[in-house]
Amino acid sequence: MTTVDEVLAHFGVKGMRWGVRRSRSQIDSSSEDHRNASAARAKAKKGGVKALSNKELQDLVNRMNLEQQYSRVIPPSRGKRVLTSGAKFAGDVIVSVGKQQVTKIATDHATKVVGQILKK
C-alpha cells in the first residue's frame, strides 16, 4: 500500500495559489535599459518625438544603435542557414518534378493527338 507522501507531487512555484497570477515585473527578465527604451518607443509612437525628453530620446537612439550594431556583428545562426538551404533544395526538387510531370503529360497528349491524326 502506498502512502500519500509517495503519491503527492507538487508542480509549480512554492507558495503559489490557485487563480493568483504573478505580476509582470516578476516574470519579465529584460534589462532596465530595454524597458526604458520600450517605454520611450511607445511614448514616441503615441505622441511623436516631441513628447520625449532629451534624455529619453538619447537613451532610445543609443539602444537602437546598439541593437543594430549587435545584429551586424553577430553572424546569422547556423539553424537559419540550414533551414534556408533545405527550403532551397525542396523548392528545386518541386520544380524539377513539376517539369518532369508537365513534359510527361505533354508527351502523352501529343502522342494521342498524333495517333488520332494518323488513323484518319
Protein backbone atom coordinates (compact mmCIF):
# COMPACT_ATOMS: atom_id res chain seq x y z
CA MET A 1 0.00 0.00 0.00
CA THR A 2 1.33 3.47 -0.89
CA THR A 3 1.20 6.49 1.35
CA VAL A 4 0.19 10.00 0.43
CA ASP A 5 3.82 11.15 0.57
CA GLU A 6 4.74 8.74 -2.20
CA VAL A 7 1.89 9.83 -4.47
CA LEU A 8 1.51 13.54 -3.88
CA ALA A 9 3.73 15.68 -6.10
CA HIS A 10 3.87 19.45 -6.29
CA PHE A 11 4.37 21.21 -9.61
CA GLY A 12 4.72 24.95 -9.62
CA VAL A 13 6.12 27.80 -7.58
CA LYS A 14 6.33 27.40 -3.84
CA GLY A 15 3.60 29.47 -2.24
CA MET A 16 1.59 29.63 -5.45
CA ARG A 17 -2.17 29.99 -5.01
CA TRP A 18 -4.87 28.93 -7.46
CA GLY A 19 -6.05 31.83 -9.60
CA VAL A 20 -3.35 34.23 -8.38
CA ARG A 21 -1.01 35.38 -11.11
CA ARG A 22 2.44 36.77 -10.68
CA SER A 23 2.98 40.36 -11.68
CA ARG A 24 4.71 41.16 -14.97
CA SER A 25 7.72 42.57 -13.14
CA GLN A 26 8.35 39.15 -11.61
CA ILE A 27 8.05 37.42 -14.98
CA ASP A 28 9.88 39.98 -17.16
CA SER A 29 13.60 39.29 -17.29
CA SER A 30 14.54 42.14 -19.65
CA SER A 31 17.06 44.74 -18.61
CA GLU A 32 16.17 48.16 -17.29
CA ASP A 33 17.65 49.77 -20.40
CA HIS A 34 15.40 47.67 -22.62
CA ARG A 35 12.32 48.55 -20.56
CA ASN A 36 13.21 52.28 -20.69
CA ALA A 37 13.74 52.14 -24.45
CA SER A 38 10.46 50.29 -24.95
CA ALA A 39 8.60 52.86 -22.86
CA ALA A 40 10.21 55.70 -24.84
CA ARG A 41 9.34 53.98 -28.13
CA ALA A 42 5.70 53.64 -27.05
CA LYS A 43 5.63 57.27 -25.88
CA ALA A 44 7.11 58.43 -29.21
CA LYS A 45 4.60 56.33 -31.15
CA LYS A 46 1.71 57.82 -29.21
CA GLY A 47 2.77 61.48 -29.04
CA GLY A 48 5.55 61.78 -31.58
CA VAL A 49 9.20 62.51 -30.98
CA LYS A 50 8.33 65.88 -29.47
CA ALA A 51 6.76 64.06 -26.49
CA LEU A 52 10.16 62.66 -25.49
CA SER A 53 12.66 64.44 -23.30
CA ASN A 54 16.26 64.77 -24.49
CA LYS A 55 17.36 62.03 -22.09
CA GLU A 56 14.60 59.65 -23.27
CA LEU A 57 15.36 60.32 -26.91
CA GLN A 58 19.09 59.84 -26.37
CA ASP A 59 18.51 56.56 -24.50
CA LEU A 60 16.18 55.30 -27.22
CA VAL A 61 18.52 56.19 -30.08
CA ASN A 62 21.51 54.74 -28.22
CA ARG A 63 19.64 51.48 -27.57
CA MET A 64 18.52 51.19 -31.20
CA ASN A 65 22.06 51.85 -32.46
CA LEU A 66 23.48 49.21 -30.13
CA GLU A 67 20.90 46.66 -31.28
CA GLN A 68 21.74 47.37 -34.93
CA GLN A 69 25.47 47.06 -34.27
CA TYR A 70 24.92 43.79 -32.43
CA SER A 71 22.90 42.34 -35.30
CA ARG A 72 25.66 43.27 -37.76
CA VAL A 73 28.45 41.80 -35.63
CA ILE A 74 26.77 38.52 -34.72
CA PRO A 75 26.60 36.17 -37.72
CA PRO A 76 23.26 34.60 -38.56
CA SER A 77 22.66 31.39 -36.69
CA ARG A 78 23.55 28.13 -38.37
CA GLY A 79 20.00 26.89 -37.98
CA LYS A 80 18.67 29.64 -40.22
CA ARG A 81 21.23 28.82 -42.90
CA VAL A 82 20.34 25.13 -42.78
CA LEU A 83 16.66 25.95 -42.98
CA THR A 84 17.28 28.26 -45.93
CA SER A 85 19.38 25.59 -47.67
CA GLY A 86 16.73 22.96 -47.00
CA ALA A 87 13.98 25.22 -48.31
CA LYS A 88 16.03 25.95 -51.43
CA PHE A 89 16.63 22.23 -52.01
CA ALA A 90 12.95 21.41 -51.51
CA GLY A 91 11.97 24.16 -53.94
CA ASP A 92 14.42 22.86 -56.54
CA VAL A 93 13.06 19.31 -56.16
CA ILE A 94 9.48 20.50 -56.54
CA VAL A 95 10.37 22.49 -59.68
CA SER A 96 12.23 19.58 -61.29
CA VAL A 97 9.43 17.08 -60.51
CA GLY A 98 6.90 19.57 -61.86
CA LYS A 99 8.87 19.94 -65.09
CA GLN A 100 9.06 16.15 -65.48
CA GLN A 101 5.32 15.76 -64.95
CA VAL A 102 4.46 18.54 -67.41
CA THR A 103 6.80 17.02 -70.00
CA LYS A 104 5.23 13.58 -69.49
CA ILE A 105 1.68 14.91 -69.79
CA ALA A 106 2.54 16.96 -72.89
CA THR A 107 4.26 13.95 -74.50
CA ASP A 108 1.31 11.66 -73.77
CA HIS A 109 -1.14 14.21 -75.13
CA ALA A 110 0.93 14.83 -78.25
CA THR A 111 1.25 11.08 -78.87
CA LYS A 112 -2.52 10.69 -78.51
CA VAL A 113 -3.25 13.57 -80.90
CA VAL A 114 -0.74 12.37 -83.49
CA GLY A 115 -2.16 8.82 -83.24
CA GLN A 116 -5.67 10.13 -83.90
CA ILE A 117 -4.47 12.17 -86.88
CA LEU A 118 -2.66 9.18 -88.40
CA LYS A 119 -5.74 6.96 -88.02
CA LYS A 120 -7.78 9.34 -90.18
